[in-house]
Amino acid sequence: MPHSAFIVIHSTLMVIGFWLSRRTRNNGFLLFVLAELSYITYHAGVTHFLFAHIVAEVLDALALVTIALGFRQKTATAPGPAVRTPGM
């Protein structure tokens, strides 16, 4: 596949990540967007393959942790299901 195809793929993933960050208010998705931007720098010929991928992998790992912690906090503060007592 040509580099331009990968630029389109990573750009699409950036848009999805940005949309998810707005919908969920979780900044971990913005780290994902930066990771995708790092991948694009290689395909655009700005950086070396290994450098771009190392940066992207670190950002992806940080994004995963940030998203997981964000969801964990939301579920910890969410109210539990309503419990009905028998006979009421």
C-alpha atoms as a PDB file:
ATOM      1  CA  MET A   1       0.000   0.000   0.000  1.00  0.00           C
ATOM      2  CA  PRO A   2       1.248   3.502  -0.683  1.00  0.00           C
ATOM      3  CA  HIS A   3       2.044   5.910   2.152  1.00  0.00           C
ATOM      4  CA  SER A   4      -0.929   8.066   1.208  1.00  0.00           C
ATOM      5  CA  ALA A   5      -3.306   5.200   2.040  1.00  0.00           C
ATOM      6  CA  PHE A   6      -1.823   4.921   5.528  1.00  0.00           C
ATOM      7  CA  ILE A   7      -2.099   8.678   5.976  1.00  0.00           C
ATOM      8  CA  VAL A   8      -5.823   8.435   5.182  1.00  0.00           C
ATOM      9  CA  ILE A   9      -6.251   5.512   7.609  1.00  0.00           C
ATOM     10  CA  HIS A  10      -4.417   7.254  10.454  1.00  0.00           C
ATOM     11  CA  SER A  11      -6.236  10.531   9.758  1.00  0.00           C
ATOM     12  CA  THR A  12      -9.568   8.717  10.002  1.00  0.00           C
ATOM     13  CA  LEU A  13      -8.500   7.188  13.317  1.00  0.00           C
ATOM     14  CA  MET A  14      -7.496  10.655  14.525  1.00  0.00           C
ATOM     15  CA  VAL A  15     -10.962  11.998  13.758  1.00  0.00           C
ATOM     16  CA  ILE A  16     -12.578   9.057  15.552  1.00  0.00           C
ATOM     17  CA  GLY A  17     -10.299   9.525  18.564  1.00  0.00           C
ATOM     18  CA  PHE A  18     -11.075  13.245  18.710  1.00  0.00           C
ATOM     19  CA  TRP A  19     -14.810  12.550  18.448  1.00  0.00           C
ATOM     20  CA  LEU A  20     -14.582   9.987  21.268  1.00  0.00           C
ATOM     21  CA  SER A  21     -12.656  12.424  23.456  1.00  0.00           C
ATOM     22  CA  ARG A  22     -15.466  14.975  23.055  1.00  0.00           C
ATOM     23  CA  ARG A  23     -18.225  12.402  23.638  1.00  0.00           C
ATOM     24  CA  THR A  24     -16.659  10.802  26.719  1.00  0.00           C
ATOM     25  CA  ARG A  25     -14.739  13.816  28.068  1.00  0.00           C
ATOM     26  CA  ASN A  26     -11.774  11.470  28.513  1.00  0.00           C
ATOM     27  CA  ASN A  27      -8.412  12.974  27.564  1.00  0.00           C
ATOM     28  CA  GLY A  28      -6.920   9.536  26.982  1.00  0.00           C
ATOM     29  CA  PHE A  29      -8.386   9.653  23.502  1.00  0.00           C
ATOM     30  CA  LEU A  30      -6.369  12.810  22.827  1.00  0.00           C
ATOM     31  CA  LEU A  31      -3.214  10.808  23.586  1.00  0.00           C
ATOM     32  CA  PHE A  32      -4.446   8.311  21.002  1.00  0.00           C
ATOM     33  CA  VAL A  33      -4.833  11.188  18.532  1.00  0.00           C
ATOM     34  CA  LEU A  34      -1.211  12.220  19.191  1.00  0.00           C
ATOM     35  CA  ALA A  35      -0.101   8.625  18.629  1.00  0.00           C
ATOM     36  CA  GLU A  36      -1.841   8.578  15.266  1.00  0.00           C
ATOM     37  CA  LEU A  37      -0.187  11.886  14.405  1.00  0.00           C
ATOM     38  CA  SER A  38       3.163  10.279  15.196  1.00  0.00           C
ATOM     39  CA  TYR A  39       2.403   7.462  12.759  1.00  0.00           C
ATOM     40  CA  ILE A  40       1.531  10.046  10.092  1.00  0.00           C
ATOM     41  CA  THR A  41       4.910  11.767  10.526  1.00  0.00           C
ATOM     42  CA  TYR A  42       6.616   8.594   9.315  1.00  0.00           C
ATOM     43  CA  HIS A  43       4.310   8.118   6.338  1.00  0.00           C
ATOM     44  CA  ALA A  44       4.747  11.787   5.406  1.00  0.00           C
ATOM     45  CA  GLY A  45       8.526  11.344   5.452  1.00  0.00           C
ATOM     46  CA  VAL A  46       9.138  13.688   8.388  1.00  0.00           C
ATOM     47  CA  THR A  47      10.559  11.163  10.882  1.00  0.00           C
ATOM     48  CA  HIS A  48      12.267   7.783  10.883  1.00  0.00           C
ATOM     49  CA  PHE A  49      10.154   4.606  11.118  1.00  0.00           C
ATOM     50  CA  LEU A  50      11.487   3.431  14.484  1.00  0.00           C
ATOM     51  CA  PHE A  51      11.296   6.844  16.134  1.00  0.00           C
ATOM     52  CA  ALA A  52       7.716   7.452  15.013  1.00  0.00           C
ATOM     53  CA  HIS A  53       6.583   4.008  16.125  1.00  0.00           C
ATOM     54  CA  ILE A  54       8.302   4.145  19.517  1.00  0.00           C
ATOM     55  CA  VAL A  55       6.676   7.507  20.244  1.00  0.00           C
ATOM     56  CA  ALA A  56       3.317   6.211  19.017  1.00  0.00           C
ATOM     57  CA  GLU A  57       3.502   3.038  21.113  1.00  0.00           C
ATOM     58  CA  VAL A  58       4.329   5.005  24.272  1.00  0.00           C
ATOM     59  CA  LEU A  59       1.424   7.376  23.582  1.00  0.00           C
ATOM     60  CA  ASP A  60      -0.901   4.434  22.901  1.00  0.00           C
ATOM     61  CA  ALA A  61       0.083   2.823  26.212  1.00  0.00           C
ATOM     62  CA  LEU A  62      -0.493   6.079  28.081  1.00  0.00           C
ATOM     63  CA  ALA A  63      -3.822   6.498  26.302  1.00  0.00           C
ATOM     64  CA  LEU A  64      -4.914   3.009  27.307  1.00  0.00           C
ATOM     65  CA  VAL A  65      -4.063   3.624  30.966  1.00  0.00           C
ATOM     66  CA  THR A  66      -5.710   7.068  30.972  1.00  0.00           C
ATOM     67  CA  ILE A  67      -8.896   5.780  29.334  1.00  0.00           C
ATOM     68  CA  ALA A  68      -9.094   2.822  31.729  1.00  0.00           C
ATOM     69  CA  LEU A  69      -8.594   5.044  34.770  1.00  0.00           C
ATOM     70  CA  GLY A  70     -11.191   7.480  33.467  1.00  0.00           C
ATOM     71  CA  PHE A  71     -13.783   4.746  33.022  1.00  0.00           C
ATOM     72  CA  ARG A  72     -12.895   3.280  36.407  1.00  0.00           C
ATOM     73  CA  GLN A  73     -13.548   6.624  38.087  1.00  0.00           C
ATOM     74  CA  LYS A  74     -16.883   6.999  36.287  1.00  0.00           C
ATOM     75  CA  THR A  75     -18.055   3.530  37.332  1.00  0.00           C
ATOM     76  CA  ALA A  76     -16.876   4.031  40.916  1.00  0.00           C
ATOM     77  CA  THR A  77     -18.959   7.198  41.298  1.00  0.00           C
ATOM     78  CA  ALA A  78     -22.018   5.932  39.415  1.00  0.00           C
ATOM     79  CA  PRO A  79     -25.008   5.070  41.600  1.00  0.00           C
ATOM     80  CA  GLY A  80     -25.794   1.422  42.009  1.00  0.00           C
ATOM     81  CA  PRO A  81     -29.012  -0.223  40.837  1.00  0.00           C
ATOM     82  CA  ALA A  82     -32.157   0.490  42.808  1.00  0.00           C
ATOM     83  CA  VAL A  83     -32.938  -2.264  45.278  1.00  0.00           C
ATOM     84  CA  ARG A  84     -36.531  -3.082  46.102  1.00  0.00           C
ATOM     85  CA  THR A  85     -37.232  -4.556  49.480  1.00  0.00           C
ATOM     86  CA  PRO A  86     -39.725  -7.425  49.490  1.00  0.00           C
ATOM     87  CA  GLY A  87     -43.187  -6.559  50.764  1.00  0.00           C
ATOM     88  CA  MET A  88     -43.046  -2.852  49.954  1.00  0.00           C
END
